[in-house]
């Protein structure tokens, strides 16, 4: 029998129990030692991406606004890109004070080391 741990706050479950992401553009996966969160922030420079963790909620905000003059009319053209993602982290077992983030090709990637107690481990069966 294969048991699957159910975490109602995760946006994406593992391949054994696959469900569509609850937030489009956000992927969460786990390795043996880390939790990896990837969020789409296309068109937003690194300086305009903000990542916060507070009360067990990871928030990724990214926003950029560009204004340009329209040559054929007297109106300005405003281009805007905005993204906001939330992930409840309370049940994940991450060391959030050691999290690291990078932005590459419009994807922000956050890697959070797992706490020792949340890492998978084998239990040895002893004989009497």
N, C-alpha and C. Protein backbone atom coordinates (compact mmCIF):
# COMPACT_ATOMS: atom_id res chain seq x y z
N UNK A 1 0.84 -1.17 0.00
CA UNK A 1 0.00 0.00 0.00
C UNK A 1 0.89 1.24 0.00
N UNK A 2 0.56 2.20 -0.82
CA UNK A 2 1.34 3.43 -0.93
C UNK A 2 0.54 4.56 -0.28
N UNK A 3 1.09 5.17 0.75
CA UNK A 3 0.41 6.27 1.42
C UNK A 3 0.92 7.60 0.89
N UNK A 4 0.01 8.54 0.72
CA UNK A 4 0.36 9.86 0.26
C UNK A 4 -0.02 10.85 1.33
N UNK A 5 0.96 11.66 1.76
CA UNK A 5 0.69 12.68 2.77
C UNK A 5 -0.11 13.80 2.11
N UNK A 6 -1.23 14.15 2.69
CA UNK A 6 -2.08 15.20 2.14
C UNK A 6 -1.81 16.50 2.88
N UNK A 7 -1.46 17.54 2.15
CA UNK A 7 -1.23 18.86 2.71
C UNK A 7 -2.16 19.82 1.98
N UNK A 8 -3.25 20.27 2.63
CA UNK A 8 -4.25 21.09 1.93
C UNK A 8 -3.73 22.46 1.52
N UNK A 9 -2.55 22.85 2.01
CA UNK A 9 -2.05 24.18 1.70
C UNK A 9 -1.04 24.20 0.56
N UNK A 10 -0.67 23.04 0.06
CA UNK A 10 0.29 22.99 -1.04
C UNK A 10 -0.41 23.28 -2.36
N UNK A 11 0.25 24.03 -3.21
CA UNK A 11 -0.33 24.37 -4.51
C UNK A 11 -0.17 23.28 -5.54
N UNK A 12 0.84 22.46 -5.38
CA UNK A 12 1.07 21.40 -6.35
C UNK A 12 1.56 20.17 -5.61
N UNK A 13 0.86 19.06 -5.77
CA UNK A 13 1.25 17.84 -5.08
C UNK A 13 2.21 17.05 -5.93
N UNK A 14 2.83 16.01 -5.34
CA UNK A 14 3.82 15.25 -6.08
C UNK A 14 3.17 14.42 -7.20
N UNK A 15 4.00 13.84 -8.04
CA UNK A 15 3.51 13.13 -9.23
C UNK A 15 2.62 11.93 -8.90
N UNK A 16 2.78 11.32 -7.72
CA UNK A 16 1.95 10.18 -7.37
C UNK A 16 0.49 10.56 -7.15
N UNK A 17 0.23 11.81 -6.88
CA UNK A 17 -1.12 12.29 -6.61
C UNK A 17 -1.27 13.66 -7.24
N UNK A 18 -1.09 13.73 -8.56
CA UNK A 18 -1.01 15.00 -9.27
C UNK A 18 -2.36 15.70 -9.35
N UNK A 19 -2.33 16.98 -9.07
CA UNK A 19 -3.49 17.86 -9.20
C UNK A 19 -3.01 19.14 -9.86
N UNK A 20 -3.88 19.85 -10.56
CA UNK A 20 -3.44 21.11 -11.17
C UNK A 20 -3.10 22.14 -10.08
N UNK A 21 -2.20 23.04 -10.41
CA UNK A 21 -1.81 24.08 -9.47
C UNK A 21 -3.01 24.94 -9.11
N UNK A 22 -3.10 25.33 -7.84
CA UNK A 22 -4.19 26.18 -7.41
C UNK A 22 -3.96 27.63 -7.80
N UNK A 23 -2.69 27.99 -8.03
CA UNK A 23 -2.36 29.33 -8.49
C UNK A 23 -1.58 29.19 -9.80
N UNK A 24 -2.15 29.65 -10.86
CA UNK A 24 -1.49 29.57 -12.16
C UNK A 24 -0.18 30.35 -12.10
N UNK A 25 0.89 29.75 -12.60
CA UNK A 25 2.19 30.41 -12.60
C UNK A 25 3.04 30.13 -11.38
N UNK A 26 2.56 29.30 -10.45
CA UNK A 26 3.30 28.97 -9.24
C UNK A 26 3.49 27.47 -9.17
N UNK A 27 4.73 27.03 -8.95
CA UNK A 27 5.03 25.61 -8.82
C UNK A 27 5.77 25.40 -7.50
N UNK A 28 5.38 24.37 -6.78
CA UNK A 28 6.06 23.99 -5.56
C UNK A 28 6.41 22.52 -5.66
N UNK A 29 7.68 22.20 -5.38
CA UNK A 29 8.09 20.81 -5.38
C UNK A 29 9.08 20.61 -4.24
N UNK A 30 9.24 19.37 -3.85
CA UNK A 30 10.15 19.05 -2.77
C UNK A 30 11.18 18.04 -3.25
N UNK A 31 12.41 18.23 -2.79
CA UNK A 31 13.44 17.23 -2.94
C UNK A 31 13.67 16.66 -1.54
N UNK A 32 14.63 15.79 -1.40
CA UNK A 32 14.89 15.20 -0.09
C UNK A 32 15.30 16.26 0.94
N UNK A 33 16.03 17.29 0.50
CA UNK A 33 16.58 18.27 1.43
C UNK A 33 16.03 19.68 1.29
N UNK A 34 15.24 19.95 0.24
CA UNK A 34 14.78 21.33 0.04
C UNK A 34 13.33 21.39 -0.45
N UNK A 35 12.74 22.55 -0.23
CA UNK A 35 11.45 22.92 -0.81
C UNK A 35 11.78 23.95 -1.89
N UNK A 36 11.29 23.76 -3.10
CA UNK A 36 11.58 24.67 -4.20
C UNK A 36 10.27 25.31 -4.66
N UNK A 37 10.24 26.64 -4.65
CA UNK A 37 9.07 27.40 -5.11
C UNK A 37 9.50 28.18 -6.33
N UNK A 38 8.75 28.04 -7.43
CA UNK A 38 9.03 28.79 -8.65
C UNK A 38 7.78 29.57 -9.04
N UNK A 39 7.97 30.86 -9.34
CA UNK A 39 6.84 31.72 -9.70
C UNK A 39 7.18 32.53 -10.94
N UNK A 40 6.23 32.67 -11.84
CA UNK A 40 6.41 33.45 -13.07
C UNK A 40 6.34 34.93 -12.72
N UNK A 41 7.37 35.68 -13.16
CA UNK A 41 7.40 37.13 -12.99
C UNK A 41 7.89 37.78 -14.29
N UNK A 42 7.37 37.30 -15.41
CA UNK A 42 7.82 37.73 -16.74
C UNK A 42 7.72 39.24 -16.92
N UNK A 43 8.78 39.82 -17.44
CA UNK A 43 8.79 41.25 -17.75
C UNK A 43 9.07 42.14 -16.56
N UNK A 44 9.30 41.57 -15.38
CA UNK A 44 9.55 42.37 -14.18
C UNK A 44 11.03 42.25 -13.82
N UNK A 45 11.75 43.38 -13.73
CA UNK A 45 13.16 43.29 -13.35
C UNK A 45 13.33 42.84 -11.90
N UNK A 46 14.50 42.27 -11.61
CA UNK A 46 14.80 41.73 -10.27
C UNK A 46 14.54 42.75 -9.16
N UNK A 47 14.86 44.01 -9.40
CA UNK A 47 14.70 45.04 -8.37
C UNK A 47 13.23 45.28 -8.00
N UNK A 48 12.31 44.87 -8.85
CA UNK A 48 10.88 45.07 -8.59
C UNK A 48 10.18 43.81 -8.10
N UNK A 49 10.94 42.78 -7.73
CA UNK A 49 10.38 41.54 -7.18
C UNK A 49 10.60 41.56 -5.67
N UNK A 50 9.54 41.31 -4.91
CA UNK A 50 9.60 41.32 -3.45
C UNK A 50 9.12 39.98 -2.92
N UNK A 51 9.91 39.37 -2.03
CA UNK A 51 9.58 38.09 -1.44
C UNK A 51 9.56 38.26 0.07
N UNK A 52 8.44 37.88 0.70
CA UNK A 52 8.29 38.01 2.15
C UNK A 52 7.78 36.70 2.74
N UNK A 53 8.14 36.45 3.99
CA UNK A 53 7.56 35.34 4.75
C UNK A 53 7.12 35.92 6.09
N UNK A 54 5.84 35.73 6.39
CA UNK A 54 5.30 36.23 7.65
C UNK A 54 4.14 35.35 8.09
N UNK A 55 4.17 34.93 9.34
CA UNK A 55 3.10 34.10 9.92
C UNK A 55 2.81 32.86 9.07
N UNK A 56 3.86 32.23 8.55
CA UNK A 56 3.68 31.00 7.78
C UNK A 56 3.17 31.19 6.38
N UNK A 57 3.18 32.41 5.85
CA UNK A 57 2.72 32.67 4.48
C UNK A 57 3.86 33.29 3.68
N UNK A 58 4.24 32.60 2.58
CA UNK A 58 5.23 33.11 1.65
C UNK A 58 4.49 33.95 0.61
N UNK A 59 4.94 35.19 0.41
CA UNK A 59 4.32 36.08 -0.56
C UNK A 59 5.36 36.52 -1.58
N UNK A 60 5.04 36.36 -2.86
CA UNK A 60 5.89 36.84 -3.95
C UNK A 60 5.10 37.92 -4.68
N UNK A 61 5.64 39.15 -4.70
CA UNK A 61 5.01 40.26 -5.42
C UNK A 61 5.98 40.77 -6.46
N UNK A 62 5.47 41.04 -7.65
CA UNK A 62 6.28 41.59 -8.73
C UNK A 62 5.41 42.54 -9.54
N UNK A 63 5.90 43.77 -9.71
CA UNK A 63 5.10 44.74 -10.45
C UNK A 63 6.01 45.75 -11.13
N UNK A 64 5.67 46.08 -12.36
CA UNK A 64 6.39 47.11 -13.10
C UNK A 64 5.37 47.86 -13.97
N UNK A 65 5.51 49.17 -14.02
CA UNK A 65 4.67 50.02 -14.86
C UNK A 65 5.57 50.86 -15.75
N UNK A 66 5.26 50.91 -17.03
CA UNK A 66 6.04 51.72 -17.97
C UNK A 66 5.09 52.67 -18.69
N UNK A 67 5.49 53.93 -18.77
CA UNK A 67 4.71 54.93 -19.47
C UNK A 67 5.51 55.43 -20.66
N UNK A 68 4.87 55.49 -21.83
CA UNK A 68 5.56 55.99 -23.02
C UNK A 68 4.60 56.89 -23.79
N UNK A 69 5.18 57.84 -24.50
CA UNK A 69 4.39 58.77 -25.32
C UNK A 69 3.95 58.08 -26.60
N UNK A 70 2.68 58.24 -26.94
CA UNK A 70 2.16 57.73 -28.21
C UNK A 70 2.39 58.81 -29.25
N UNK A 71 3.09 58.48 -30.32
CA UNK A 71 3.45 59.46 -31.35
C UNK A 71 2.26 59.94 -32.18
N UNK A 72 1.20 59.13 -32.26
CA UNK A 72 0.07 59.49 -33.12
C UNK A 72 -1.06 60.18 -32.37
N UNK A 73 -1.00 60.22 -31.05
CA UNK A 73 -2.06 60.90 -30.29
C UNK A 73 -1.44 61.61 -29.09
N UNK A 74 -2.27 62.34 -28.38
CA UNK A 74 -1.78 63.08 -27.22
C UNK A 74 -1.84 62.25 -25.94
N UNK A 75 -2.24 60.98 -26.04
CA UNK A 75 -2.34 60.12 -24.87
C UNK A 75 -1.04 59.36 -24.61
N UNK A 76 -0.76 59.13 -23.34
CA UNK A 76 0.38 58.30 -22.96
C UNK A 76 -0.05 56.84 -22.95
N UNK A 77 0.87 55.97 -23.31
CA UNK A 77 0.60 54.53 -23.23
C UNK A 77 1.22 53.99 -21.95
N UNK A 78 0.44 53.25 -21.19
CA UNK A 78 0.93 52.66 -19.95
C UNK A 78 0.93 51.15 -20.11
N UNK A 79 2.09 50.54 -19.89
CA UNK A 79 2.22 49.09 -19.91
C UNK A 79 2.49 48.63 -18.50
N UNK A 80 1.79 47.59 -18.08
CA UNK A 80 1.92 47.14 -16.71
C UNK A 80 2.02 45.61 -16.66
N UNK A 81 2.89 45.12 -15.79
CA UNK A 81 2.97 43.69 -15.49
C UNK A 81 2.92 43.55 -13.99
N UNK A 82 2.01 42.72 -13.50
CA UNK A 82 1.90 42.54 -12.05
C UNK A 82 1.58 41.09 -11.73
N UNK A 83 2.26 40.56 -10.73
CA UNK A 83 2.05 39.19 -10.27
C UNK A 83 2.04 39.20 -8.75
N UNK A 84 1.19 38.36 -8.17
CA UNK A 84 1.19 38.21 -6.72
C UNK A 84 0.80 36.78 -6.39
N UNK A 85 1.64 36.10 -5.60
CA UNK A 85 1.41 34.71 -5.23
C UNK A 85 1.49 34.57 -3.72
N UNK A 86 0.70 33.65 -3.19
CA UNK A 86 0.73 33.33 -1.77
C UNK A 86 0.88 31.82 -1.61
N UNK A 87 1.67 31.40 -0.66
CA UNK A 87 1.83 29.98 -0.35
C UNK A 87 1.89 29.84 1.15
N UNK A 88 0.99 29.09 1.73
CA UNK A 88 0.99 28.85 3.17
C UNK A 88 2.03 27.81 3.48
N UNK A 89 3.01 28.19 4.28
CA UNK A 89 4.18 27.37 4.52
C UNK A 89 4.19 26.66 5.86
N UNK A 90 3.20 26.87 6.68
CA UNK A 90 3.23 26.39 8.06
C UNK A 90 3.44 24.88 8.17
N UNK A 91 2.93 24.09 7.24
CA UNK A 91 3.04 22.64 7.33
C UNK A 91 4.23 22.07 6.56
N UNK A 92 5.04 22.89 5.95
CA UNK A 92 6.07 22.40 5.05
C UNK A 92 7.38 22.01 5.71
N UNK A 93 7.70 22.51 6.89
CA UNK A 93 8.94 22.14 7.56
C UNK A 93 10.19 22.76 6.98
N UNK A 94 10.11 24.00 6.49
CA UNK A 94 11.27 24.66 5.90
C UNK A 94 12.00 25.54 6.89
N UNK A 95 13.31 25.72 6.65
CA UNK A 95 14.12 26.66 7.43
C UNK A 95 14.07 28.00 6.70
N UNK A 96 13.05 28.79 6.93
CA UNK A 96 12.78 29.98 6.14
C UNK A 96 13.82 31.07 6.32
N UNK A 97 14.53 31.07 7.45
CA UNK A 97 15.58 32.06 7.65
C UNK A 97 16.81 31.76 6.78
N UNK A 98 16.88 30.58 6.17
CA UNK A 98 18.00 30.20 5.30
C UNK A 98 17.58 30.13 3.83
N UNK A 99 16.42 30.64 3.50
CA UNK A 99 15.92 30.59 2.12
C UNK A 99 16.76 31.50 1.22
N UNK A 100 16.92 31.08 -0.03
CA UNK A 100 17.64 31.87 -1.04
C UNK A 100 16.77 31.99 -2.28
N UNK A 101 16.85 33.15 -2.95
CA UNK A 101 16.03 33.38 -4.14
C UNK A 101 16.88 33.91 -5.28
N UNK A 102 16.51 33.49 -6.51
CA UNK A 102 17.15 34.00 -7.73
C UNK A 102 16.05 34.29 -8.74
N UNK A 103 16.33 35.20 -9.67
CA UNK A 103 15.42 35.49 -10.78
C UNK A 103 16.19 35.26 -12.07
N UNK A 104 15.62 34.42 -12.96
CA UNK A 104 16.27 34.12 -14.23
C UNK A 104 15.20 33.87 -15.28
N UNK A 105 15.28 34.56 -16.40
CA UNK A 105 14.35 34.39 -17.53
C UNK A 105 12.89 34.48 -17.10
N UNK A 106 12.56 35.44 -16.25
CA UNK A 106 11.17 35.66 -15.85
C UNK A 106 10.62 34.69 -14.83
N UNK A 107 11.49 33.90 -14.19
CA UNK A 107 11.07 32.95 -13.17
C UNK A 107 11.84 33.26 -11.89
N UNK A 108 11.13 33.49 -10.79
CA UNK A 108 11.79 33.62 -9.49
C UNK A 108 11.80 32.23 -8.86
N UNK A 109 12.98 31.81 -8.38
CA UNK A 109 13.14 30.49 -7.80
C UNK A 109 13.60 30.67 -6.35
N UNK A 110 12.84 30.11 -5.43
CA UNK A 110 13.14 30.20 -4.01
C UNK A 110 13.45 28.79 -3.52
N UNK A 111 14.62 28.62 -2.92
CA UNK A 111 15.02 27.32 -2.38
C UNK A 111 15.11 27.43 -0.87
N UNK A 112 14.36 26.56 -0.19
CA UNK A 112 14.28 26.57 1.26
C UNK A 112 14.78 25.23 1.79
N UNK A 113 15.86 25.22 2.58
CA UNK A 113 16.30 23.95 3.16
C UNK A 113 15.24 23.40 4.11
N UNK A 114 15.08 22.09 4.12
CA UNK A 114 14.13 21.47 5.04
C UNK A 114 14.75 21.33 6.42
N UNK A 115 13.91 21.37 7.45
CA UNK A 115 14.40 21.10 8.80
C UNK A 115 14.76 19.62 8.88
N UNK A 116 15.64 19.28 9.78
CA UNK A 116 16.08 17.89 9.93
C UNK A 116 14.90 16.98 10.23
N UNK A 117 13.95 17.44 11.03
CA UNK A 117 12.82 16.60 11.41
C UNK A 117 11.84 16.35 10.27
N UNK A 118 11.83 17.20 9.25
CA UNK A 118 10.89 17.01 8.14
C UNK A 118 11.48 16.22 6.98
N UNK A 119 12.78 15.89 7.04
CA UNK A 119 13.41 15.11 5.98
C UNK A 119 13.02 13.64 6.11
N UNK A 120 12.85 12.96 4.99
CA UNK A 120 12.52 11.54 5.06
C UNK A 120 13.66 10.74 5.68
N UNK A 121 13.33 9.70 6.40
CA UNK A 121 14.34 8.84 7.00
C UNK A 121 13.81 7.42 7.09
N UNK A 122 14.72 6.47 7.10
CA UNK A 122 14.35 5.07 7.21
C UNK A 122 14.43 4.65 8.68
N UNK A 123 13.55 3.76 9.05
CA UNK A 123 13.56 3.21 10.41
C UNK A 123 14.01 1.76 10.32
N UNK A 124 15.03 1.42 11.08
CA UNK A 124 15.57 0.08 11.08
C UNK A 124 14.71 -0.81 11.97
N UNK A 125 14.37 -1.97 11.48
CA UNK A 125 13.58 -2.94 12.26
C UNK A 125 14.53 -3.84 13.01
N UNK A 126 14.39 -3.91 14.30
CA UNK A 126 15.25 -4.74 15.14
C UNK A 126 14.54 -6.04 15.50
N UNK A 127 15.29 -7.07 15.67
CA UNK A 127 14.71 -8.34 16.09
C UNK A 127 14.92 -8.52 17.58
N UNK A 128 14.03 -9.28 18.19
CA UNK A 128 14.14 -9.53 19.64
C UNK A 128 14.88 -10.79 19.91
